[in-house]
């Protein structure tokens, strides 16, 4: 039995970052429910990532680090997102490990 949604193993010390493709965002807000420290809906109804200083990052393709204690919440956000627009990738090589383009 093959499991399609299995993500590659990520080491505990692996730095990860997350970004949202607003072109695909449905504005459902699931991400902000799972990880409000990382995601927020703006007045345009779309989700964006936030900086470590809680600043909304509205530039296209803006990334923010994934804090290790919030990794499970961020991964659950990516898995449950109806727009498949949340991308989590390794910082060192840019490979997506969770999200629609995960290998």
N, C-alpha and C. Protein backbone atom coordinates (compact mmCIF):
# COMPACT_ATOMS: atom_id res chain seq x y z
N UNK A 1 0.84 -1.17 0.00
CA UNK A 1 0.00 0.00 0.00
C UNK A 1 0.89 1.24 0.00
N UNK A 2 0.69 2.11 -0.93
CA UNK A 2 1.47 3.34 -1.05
C UNK A 2 0.70 4.50 -0.42
N UNK A 3 1.40 5.29 0.36
CA UNK A 3 0.77 6.44 1.00
C UNK A 3 1.26 7.70 0.28
N UNK A 4 0.36 8.37 -0.40
CA UNK A 4 0.70 9.53 -1.20
C UNK A 4 1.06 10.76 -0.38
N UNK A 5 0.44 10.95 0.78
CA UNK A 5 0.63 12.17 1.53
C UNK A 5 1.75 12.10 2.56
N UNK A 6 2.54 11.05 2.54
CA UNK A 6 3.66 10.94 3.46
C UNK A 6 4.73 11.94 3.06
N UNK A 7 5.18 12.73 4.00
CA UNK A 7 6.24 13.69 3.73
C UNK A 7 7.58 13.05 4.06
N UNK A 8 8.64 13.51 3.42
CA UNK A 8 9.96 12.99 3.73
C UNK A 8 10.32 13.27 5.18
N UNK A 9 11.17 12.45 5.74
CA UNK A 9 11.60 12.66 7.11
C UNK A 9 12.38 13.97 7.21
N UNK A 10 12.13 14.69 8.26
CA UNK A 10 12.81 15.95 8.51
C UNK A 10 13.49 15.84 9.86
N UNK A 11 14.77 16.12 9.89
CA UNK A 11 15.52 16.04 11.13
C UNK A 11 15.05 17.07 12.14
N UNK A 12 15.20 16.76 13.41
CA UNK A 12 14.73 17.64 14.47
C UNK A 12 15.44 19.00 14.45
N UNK A 13 16.68 19.02 13.91
CA UNK A 13 17.42 20.29 13.88
C UNK A 13 17.32 20.96 12.51
N UNK A 14 16.45 20.49 11.66
CA UNK A 14 16.29 21.01 10.30
C UNK A 14 15.50 22.32 10.32
N UNK A 15 16.09 23.39 9.81
CA UNK A 15 15.39 24.67 9.74
C UNK A 15 14.37 24.63 8.59
N UNK A 16 13.14 25.02 8.90
CA UNK A 16 12.07 25.02 7.90
C UNK A 16 11.47 26.42 7.81
N UNK A 17 10.91 26.72 6.64
CA UNK A 17 10.19 27.97 6.44
C UNK A 17 8.88 27.65 5.74
N UNK A 18 7.92 28.56 5.88
CA UNK A 18 6.60 28.35 5.30
C UNK A 18 6.20 29.60 4.53
N UNK A 19 5.46 29.37 3.45
CA UNK A 19 4.90 30.48 2.68
C UNK A 19 3.54 30.06 2.14
N UNK A 20 2.73 31.05 1.77
CA UNK A 20 1.38 30.80 1.25
C UNK A 20 1.27 31.38 -0.15
N UNK A 21 0.71 30.61 -1.06
CA UNK A 21 0.41 31.09 -2.41
C UNK A 21 -0.98 31.71 -2.37
N UNK A 22 -1.04 33.03 -2.27
CA UNK A 22 -2.33 33.72 -2.15
C UNK A 22 -3.21 33.53 -3.39
N UNK A 23 -2.63 33.21 -4.55
CA UNK A 23 -3.43 32.96 -5.75
C UNK A 23 -4.33 31.74 -5.58
N UNK A 24 -3.93 30.83 -4.68
CA UNK A 24 -4.71 29.60 -4.46
C UNK A 24 -5.48 29.62 -3.14
N UNK A 25 -5.23 30.63 -2.30
CA UNK A 25 -5.86 30.69 -0.99
C UNK A 25 -7.38 30.87 -1.12
N UNK A 26 -8.13 30.07 -0.38
CA UNK A 26 -9.59 30.14 -0.39
C UNK A 26 -10.12 31.04 0.72
N UNK A 27 -9.24 31.48 1.61
CA UNK A 27 -9.67 32.33 2.72
C UNK A 27 -10.45 31.58 3.78
N UNK A 28 -10.32 30.27 3.79
CA UNK A 28 -11.05 29.43 4.73
C UNK A 28 -10.63 29.67 6.17
N UNK A 29 -9.37 29.98 6.40
CA UNK A 29 -8.88 30.30 7.73
C UNK A 29 -8.46 29.13 8.59
N UNK A 30 -8.44 27.94 8.02
CA UNK A 30 -8.02 26.77 8.80
C UNK A 30 -6.61 26.95 9.33
N UNK A 31 -5.74 27.52 8.51
CA UNK A 31 -4.35 27.71 8.93
C UNK A 31 -4.26 28.60 10.16
N UNK A 32 -5.04 29.69 10.17
CA UNK A 32 -5.02 30.61 11.31
C UNK A 32 -5.61 29.96 12.56
N UNK A 33 -6.51 28.99 12.37
CA UNK A 33 -7.05 28.26 13.52
C UNK A 33 -6.01 27.31 14.09
N UNK A 34 -5.27 26.61 13.22
CA UNK A 34 -4.25 25.67 13.67
C UNK A 34 -3.04 26.38 14.27
N UNK A 35 -2.58 27.43 13.61
CA UNK A 35 -1.33 28.08 14.02
C UNK A 35 -1.45 29.60 13.92
N UNK A 36 -2.21 30.22 14.83
CA UNK A 36 -2.39 31.67 14.77
C UNK A 36 -1.10 32.46 14.98
N UNK A 37 -0.08 31.82 15.53
CA UNK A 37 1.21 32.48 15.71
C UNK A 37 1.95 32.63 14.38
N UNK A 38 1.55 31.83 13.38
CA UNK A 38 2.25 31.80 12.09
C UNK A 38 1.40 32.36 10.96
N UNK A 39 0.09 32.15 11.00
CA UNK A 39 -0.81 32.54 9.91
C UNK A 39 -1.87 33.54 10.40
N UNK A 40 -2.30 34.40 9.48
CA UNK A 40 -3.36 35.34 9.80
C UNK A 40 -4.11 35.72 8.53
N UNK A 41 -5.43 35.90 8.66
CA UNK A 41 -6.23 36.39 7.54
C UNK A 41 -6.16 37.91 7.53
N UNK A 42 -5.98 38.48 6.36
CA UNK A 42 -5.95 39.94 6.23
C UNK A 42 -7.33 40.43 5.82
N UNK A 43 -7.50 41.75 5.72
CA UNK A 43 -8.81 42.31 5.36
C UNK A 43 -9.23 41.92 3.95
N UNK A 44 -8.27 41.47 3.11
CA UNK A 44 -8.63 41.01 1.76
C UNK A 44 -9.22 39.60 1.78
N UNK A 45 -9.28 38.97 2.97
CA UNK A 45 -9.86 37.64 3.11
C UNK A 45 -8.89 36.51 2.83
N UNK A 46 -7.62 36.83 2.57
CA UNK A 46 -6.62 35.81 2.27
C UNK A 46 -5.68 35.63 3.45
N UNK A 47 -5.08 34.45 3.52
CA UNK A 47 -4.14 34.14 4.59
C UNK A 47 -2.72 34.55 4.20
N UNK A 48 -1.98 34.97 5.21
CA UNK A 48 -0.58 35.35 5.04
C UNK A 48 0.21 34.79 6.21
N UNK A 49 1.53 34.65 6.02
CA UNK A 49 2.39 34.27 7.13
C UNK A 49 2.77 35.53 7.90
N UNK A 50 3.20 35.30 9.15
CA UNK A 50 3.61 36.41 9.99
C UNK A 50 5.08 36.24 10.37
N UNK A 51 5.74 37.35 10.58
CA UNK A 51 7.13 37.32 11.03
C UNK A 51 7.18 36.90 12.50
N UNK A 52 8.39 36.67 12.98
CA UNK A 52 8.57 36.34 14.39
C UNK A 52 8.11 37.50 15.28
N UNK A 53 8.06 38.71 14.71
CA UNK A 53 7.60 39.89 15.45
C UNK A 53 6.10 40.11 15.30
N UNK A 54 5.38 39.11 14.77
CA UNK A 54 3.93 39.15 14.62
C UNK A 54 3.47 40.13 13.52
N UNK A 55 4.38 40.47 12.60
CA UNK A 55 4.05 41.37 11.50
C UNK A 55 3.55 40.56 10.30
N UNK A 56 2.43 40.98 9.71
CA UNK A 56 1.87 40.31 8.54
C UNK A 56 2.79 40.54 7.35
N UNK A 57 3.19 39.47 6.68
CA UNK A 57 4.09 39.55 5.53
C UNK A 57 3.28 39.42 4.25
N UNK A 58 2.99 40.52 3.60
CA UNK A 58 2.07 40.53 2.47
C UNK A 58 2.75 40.47 1.11
N UNK A 59 4.07 40.46 1.07
CA UNK A 59 4.75 40.36 -0.21
C UNK A 59 4.53 38.96 -0.78
N UNK A 60 4.36 38.88 -2.11
CA UNK A 60 4.17 37.57 -2.75
C UNK A 60 5.39 36.70 -2.47
N UNK A 61 5.14 35.47 -2.02
CA UNK A 61 6.21 34.52 -1.75
C UNK A 61 6.96 34.75 -0.46
N UNK A 62 6.47 35.66 0.39
CA UNK A 62 7.13 35.92 1.67
C UNK A 62 7.15 34.66 2.52
N UNK A 63 8.27 34.40 3.14
CA UNK A 63 8.41 33.22 3.99
C UNK A 63 8.66 33.64 5.43
N UNK A 64 8.39 32.71 6.32
CA UNK A 64 8.69 32.91 7.74
C UNK A 64 9.20 31.58 8.30
N UNK A 65 10.12 31.63 9.26
CA UNK A 65 10.59 30.39 9.87
C UNK A 65 9.46 29.65 10.58
N UNK A 66 9.56 28.33 10.57
CA UNK A 66 8.59 27.51 11.31
C UNK A 66 9.21 27.20 12.67
N UNK A 67 8.66 27.75 13.75
CA UNK A 67 9.19 27.43 15.08
C UNK A 67 8.95 25.94 15.37
N UNK A 68 9.98 25.27 15.84
CA UNK A 68 9.88 23.83 16.10
C UNK A 68 8.67 23.45 16.95
N UNK A 69 8.34 24.21 18.02
CA UNK A 69 7.16 23.83 18.81
C UNK A 69 5.84 23.90 18.03
N UNK A 70 5.83 24.64 16.92
CA UNK A 70 4.61 24.80 16.13
C UNK A 70 4.62 23.97 14.85
N UNK A 71 5.65 23.14 14.67
CA UNK A 71 5.77 22.37 13.44
C UNK A 71 4.53 21.53 13.15
N UNK A 72 4.04 20.79 14.12
CA UNK A 72 2.87 19.93 13.90
C UNK A 72 1.66 20.76 13.49
N UNK A 73 1.46 21.92 14.11
CA UNK A 73 0.32 22.78 13.76
C UNK A 73 0.46 23.32 12.33
N UNK A 74 1.67 23.69 11.94
CA UNK A 74 1.90 24.20 10.58
C UNK A 74 1.70 23.08 9.56
N UNK A 75 2.19 21.89 9.87
CA UNK A 75 2.01 20.73 8.96
C UNK A 75 0.53 20.39 8.84
N UNK A 76 -0.19 20.38 9.95
CA UNK A 76 -1.63 20.10 9.90
C UNK A 76 -2.35 21.16 9.06
N UNK A 77 -1.92 22.42 9.17
CA UNK A 77 -2.50 23.48 8.35
C UNK A 77 -2.31 23.18 6.87
N UNK A 78 -1.10 22.78 6.51
CA UNK A 78 -0.81 22.47 5.10
C UNK A 78 -1.64 21.28 4.62
N UNK A 79 -1.78 20.27 5.46
CA UNK A 79 -2.54 19.07 5.07
C UNK A 79 -4.03 19.35 4.94
N UNK A 80 -4.58 20.22 5.80
CA UNK A 80 -6.01 20.47 5.82
C UNK A 80 -6.46 21.63 4.93
N UNK A 81 -5.52 22.38 4.41
CA UNK A 81 -5.85 23.56 3.61
C UNK A 81 -6.63 23.18 2.35
N UNK A 82 -7.86 23.69 2.19
CA UNK A 82 -8.65 23.33 1.01
C UNK A 82 -8.09 23.92 -0.29
N UNK A 83 -7.26 24.95 -0.19
CA UNK A 83 -6.68 25.56 -1.39
C UNK A 83 -5.33 24.97 -1.77
N UNK A 84 -4.81 24.04 -0.95
CA UNK A 84 -3.47 23.48 -1.19
C UNK A 84 -2.47 24.58 -1.49
N UNK A 85 -2.45 25.60 -0.64
CA UNK A 85 -1.60 26.75 -0.92
C UNK A 85 -0.50 26.98 0.11
N UNK A 86 -0.38 26.10 1.10
CA UNK A 86 0.63 26.26 2.14
C UNK A 86 1.82 25.36 1.82
N UNK A 87 2.99 25.98 1.76
CA UNK A 87 4.21 25.29 1.37
C UNK A 87 5.24 25.39 2.50
N UNK A 88 5.73 24.24 2.95
CA UNK A 88 6.76 24.19 3.98
C UNK A 88 8.00 23.57 3.34
N UNK A 89 9.11 24.29 3.42
CA UNK A 89 10.33 23.79 2.77
C UNK A 89 11.53 23.93 3.69
N UNK A 90 12.54 23.10 3.39
CA UNK A 90 13.80 23.18 4.11
C UNK A 90 14.53 24.44 3.69
N UNK A 91 15.11 25.12 4.65
CA UNK A 91 15.84 26.34 4.36
C UNK A 91 17.13 26.04 3.59
N UNK A 92 17.83 24.98 3.97
CA UNK A 92 19.16 24.73 3.39
C UNK A 92 19.15 24.45 1.90
N UNK A 93 18.08 23.82 1.38
CA UNK A 93 18.08 23.49 -0.05
C UNK A 93 16.78 23.86 -0.77
N UNK A 94 15.82 24.43 -0.04
CA UNK A 94 14.57 24.87 -0.67
C UNK A 94 13.62 23.77 -1.08
N UNK A 95 13.88 22.54 -0.65
CA UNK A 95 13.01 21.41 -1.01
C UNK A 95 11.75 21.44 -0.14
N UNK A 96 10.59 21.38 -0.80
CA UNK A 96 9.32 21.36 -0.09
C UNK A 96 9.14 19.99 0.57
N UNK A 97 8.88 20.01 1.88
CA UNK A 97 8.71 18.77 2.63
C UNK A 97 7.28 18.52 3.05
N UNK A 98 6.47 19.58 3.08
CA UNK A 98 5.03 19.47 3.35
C UNK A 98 4.32 20.46 2.44
N UNK A 99 3.18 20.04 1.93
CA UNK A 99 2.43 20.92 1.04
C UNK A 99 2.20 20.26 -0.31
N UNK A 100 1.58 20.98 -1.23
CA UNK A 100 1.19 20.39 -2.51
C UNK A 100 2.35 19.96 -3.41
N UNK A 101 3.54 20.56 -3.23
CA UNK A 101 4.68 20.21 -4.07
C UNK A 101 5.71 19.34 -3.35
N UNK A 102 5.34 18.77 -2.20
CA UNK A 102 6.27 17.93 -1.44
C UNK A 102 6.62 16.70 -2.25
N UNK A 103 7.89 16.36 -2.22
CA UNK A 103 8.37 15.20 -2.99
C UNK A 103 8.12 13.90 -2.25
